[in-house]
Structures are given as structure tokens and as C-alpha cells.
């Protein structure tokens, strides 16, 4: 795993190095998501609406292939463990 040390500025700001910005598609003015963990933080590029719609489409297709139909409110009737076990690759 590659790591680069960066300094924290007086306002708590950090600069994401150019190599990481380019590799992960983080652009000036773009947004990132910060996920807190017990021992640190994860910084992720925020997905575009198009990426979210594509992921939802794939999820719906998996559900359709598995024979699972219905609305999100009907999740109580679905064995989520079985469904997600099939989706893990």
C-alpha cells in the first residue's frame, strides 16, 4: 500500500496530493466523503448522480435475476443475507 504524509494546516485542512486526486478523479470544486473509523478516516470521491443510478440499475438487475421483486418497504420479507451472499464476488 502506498502512503504519503501530508501536514494539517492551521484550520485543520489538508491537501490531497495530485497523484491521488488524478488517480481517483477528485477535481477542484468537487466533493469528497469522509468516513470516520476507530483508527482513522477514509476519504472517498463522492459519486456522481450517474454513477449512483448505474449502481442502482445493477442492483435492480441482480434482484430481478434472483426472482426478487417488490418495493423497498417490503424488505422485511426478504432474506437479505442470502441476497447479499449471491452478490459478493
C-alpha atoms as a PDB file:
ATOM      1  CA  UNK A   1       0.000   0.000   0.000  1.00  0.00           C
ATOM      2  CA  UNK A   2       1.292   3.431  -0.938  1.00  0.00           C
ATOM      3  CA  UNK A   3       1.094   6.205   1.617  1.00  0.00           C
ATOM      4  CA  UNK A   4       2.132   9.836   1.567  1.00  0.00           C
ATOM      5  CA  UNK A   5       2.472  12.014   4.632  1.00  0.00           C
ATOM      6  CA  UNK A   6       0.749  15.428   4.481  1.00  0.00           C
ATOM      7  CA  UNK A   7       0.625  18.245   7.023  1.00  0.00           C
ATOM      8  CA  UNK A   8      -2.516  19.581   8.604  1.00  0.00           C
ATOM      9  CA  UNK A   9      -2.904  23.344   8.224  1.00  0.00           C
ATOM     10  CA  UNK A  10      -3.989  25.782  10.941  1.00  0.00           C
ATOM     11  CA  UNK A  11      -7.672  25.383  10.017  1.00  0.00           C
ATOM     12  CA  UNK A  12      -7.463  21.590  10.010  1.00  0.00           C
ATOM     13  CA  UNK A  13      -7.155  21.474   6.216  1.00  0.00           C
ATOM     14  CA  UNK A  14      -5.078  19.006   4.261  1.00  0.00           C
ATOM     15  CA  UNK A  15      -4.083  18.959   0.602  1.00  0.00           C
ATOM     16  CA  UNK A  16      -4.780  15.718  -1.241  1.00  0.00           C
ATOM     17  CA  UNK A  17      -1.650  15.115  -3.327  1.00  0.00           C
ATOM     18  CA  UNK A  18      -2.053  15.482  -7.086  1.00  0.00           C
ATOM     19  CA  UNK A  19      -1.201  11.840  -7.760  1.00  0.00           C
ATOM     20  CA  UNK A  20      -4.171  10.734  -5.610  1.00  0.00           C
ATOM     21  CA  UNK A  21      -6.537  13.395  -6.983  1.00  0.00           C
ATOM     22  CA  UNK A  22      -5.793  12.257 -10.527  1.00  0.00           C
ATOM     23  CA  UNK A  23      -5.976   8.549  -9.707  1.00  0.00           C
ATOM     24  CA  UNK A  24      -9.363   8.871  -8.002  1.00  0.00           C
ATOM     25  CA  UNK A  25     -10.948  11.578 -10.143  1.00  0.00           C
ATOM     26  CA  UNK A  26     -11.084  14.252  -7.448  1.00  0.00           C
ATOM     27  CA  UNK A  27     -11.317  17.616  -9.168  1.00  0.00           C
ATOM     28  CA  UNK A  28     -11.124  21.190  -7.914  1.00  0.00           C
ATOM     29  CA  UNK A  29     -14.537  22.178  -6.596  1.00  0.00           C
ATOM     30  CA  UNK A  30     -15.560  18.527  -6.369  1.00  0.00           C
ATOM     31  CA  UNK A  31     -16.762  16.909  -3.197  1.00  0.00           C
ATOM     32  CA  UNK A  32     -15.378  14.071  -1.133  1.00  0.00           C
ATOM     33  CA  UNK A  33     -16.940  11.945   1.570  1.00  0.00           C
ATOM     34  CA  UNK A  34     -15.089  11.436   4.849  1.00  0.00           C
ATOM     35  CA  UNK A  35     -15.840   8.171   6.640  1.00  0.00           C
ATOM     36  CA  UNK A  36     -14.734   8.009  10.291  1.00  0.00           C
ATOM     37  CA  UNK A  37     -13.240   4.763  11.594  1.00  0.00           C
ATOM     38  CA  UNK A  38     -11.889   3.840  15.008  1.00  0.00           C
ATOM     39  CA  UNK A  39      -8.282   4.344  13.966  1.00  0.00           C
ATOM     40  CA  UNK A  40      -8.538   6.977  11.222  1.00  0.00           C
ATOM     41  CA  UNK A  41     -10.514   8.371   8.323  1.00  0.00           C
ATOM     42  CA  UNK A  42     -11.319   7.260   4.807  1.00  0.00           C
ATOM     43  CA  UNK A  43     -11.565   9.990   2.160  1.00  0.00           C
ATOM     44  CA  UNK A  44     -13.577   8.966  -0.907  1.00  0.00           C
ATOM     45  CA  UNK A  45     -14.609  10.770  -4.050  1.00  0.00           C
ATOM     46  CA  UNK A  46     -18.327  11.478  -3.987  1.00  0.00           C
ATOM     47  CA  UNK A  47     -20.132   9.515  -6.660  1.00  0.00           C
ATOM     48  CA  UNK A  48     -21.905  11.391  -9.412  1.00  0.00           C
ATOM     49  CA  UNK A  49     -25.677  11.008  -9.823  1.00  0.00           C
ATOM     50  CA  UNK A  50     -24.958   8.993 -12.982  1.00  0.00           C
ATOM     51  CA  UNK A  51     -22.725   6.565 -11.059  1.00  0.00           C
ATOM     52  CA  UNK A  52     -25.386   6.155  -8.374  1.00  0.00           C
ATOM     53  CA  UNK A  53     -28.082   5.459 -10.983  1.00  0.00           C
ATOM     54  CA  UNK A  54     -25.818   2.907 -12.689  1.00  0.00           C
ATOM     55  CA  UNK A  55     -25.204   1.130  -9.376  1.00  0.00           C
ATOM     56  CA  UNK A  56     -28.946   1.094  -8.625  1.00  0.00           C
ATOM     57  CA  UNK A  57     -29.627  -0.322 -12.070  1.00  0.00           C
ATOM     58  CA  UNK A  58     -27.127  -3.144 -11.458  1.00  0.00           C
ATOM     59  CA  UNK A  59     -28.719  -3.815  -8.056  1.00  0.00           C
ATOM     60  CA  UNK A  60     -32.209  -3.977  -9.599  1.00  0.00           C
ATOM     61  CA  UNK A  61     -30.945  -6.342 -12.293  1.00  0.00           C
ATOM     62  CA  UNK A  62     -29.431  -8.671  -9.657  1.00  0.00           C
ATOM     63  CA  UNK A  63     -32.734  -8.626  -7.773  1.00  0.00           C
ATOM     64  CA  UNK A  64     -34.661  -9.376 -10.959  1.00  0.00           C
ATOM     65  CA  UNK A  65     -32.351 -12.306 -11.842  1.00  0.00           C
ATOM     66  CA  UNK A  66     -32.744 -13.665  -8.298  1.00  0.00           C
ATOM     67  CA  UNK A  67     -36.518 -13.513  -8.668  1.00  0.00           C
ATOM     68  CA  UNK A  68     -36.871 -10.837  -6.021  1.00  0.00           C
ATOM     69  CA  UNK A  69     -39.436  -8.210  -6.886  1.00  0.00           C
ATOM     70  CA  UNK A  70     -41.082  -5.586  -4.747  1.00  0.00           C
ATOM     71  CA  UNK A  71     -40.598  -2.218  -3.207  1.00  0.00           C
ATOM     72  CA  UNK A  72     -38.018  -1.248  -0.616  1.00  0.00           C
ATOM     73  CA  UNK A  73     -40.723  -1.228   2.078  1.00  0.00           C
ATOM     74  CA  UNK A  74     -41.108  -4.954   1.546  1.00  0.00           C
ATOM     75  CA  UNK A  75     -37.517  -5.716   2.628  1.00  0.00           C
ATOM     76  CA  UNK A  76     -38.770  -7.304   5.844  1.00  0.00           C
ATOM     77  CA  UNK A  77     -39.996 -10.247   3.755  1.00  0.00           C
ATOM     78  CA  UNK A  78     -36.615 -10.797   2.046  1.00  0.00           C
ATOM     79  CA  UNK A  79     -33.694 -12.853   3.333  1.00  0.00           C
ATOM     80  CA  UNK A  80     -31.048 -10.144   2.913  1.00  0.00           C
ATOM     81  CA  UNK A  81     -28.183 -12.429   3.939  1.00  0.00           C
ATOM     82  CA  UNK A  82     -28.951 -14.819   1.085  1.00  0.00           C
ATOM     83  CA  UNK A  83     -29.323 -11.953  -1.367  1.00  0.00           C
ATOM     84  CA  UNK A  84     -26.045 -10.277  -0.460  1.00  0.00           C
ATOM     85  CA  UNK A  85     -24.135 -13.574  -0.335  1.00  0.00           C
ATOM     86  CA  UNK A  86     -25.022 -14.054  -4.005  1.00  0.00           C
ATOM     87  CA  UNK A  87     -23.841 -10.524  -4.871  1.00  0.00           C
ATOM     88  CA  UNK A  88     -20.397 -10.878  -3.270  1.00  0.00           C
ATOM     89  CA  UNK A  89     -17.684 -11.707  -5.790  1.00  0.00           C
END
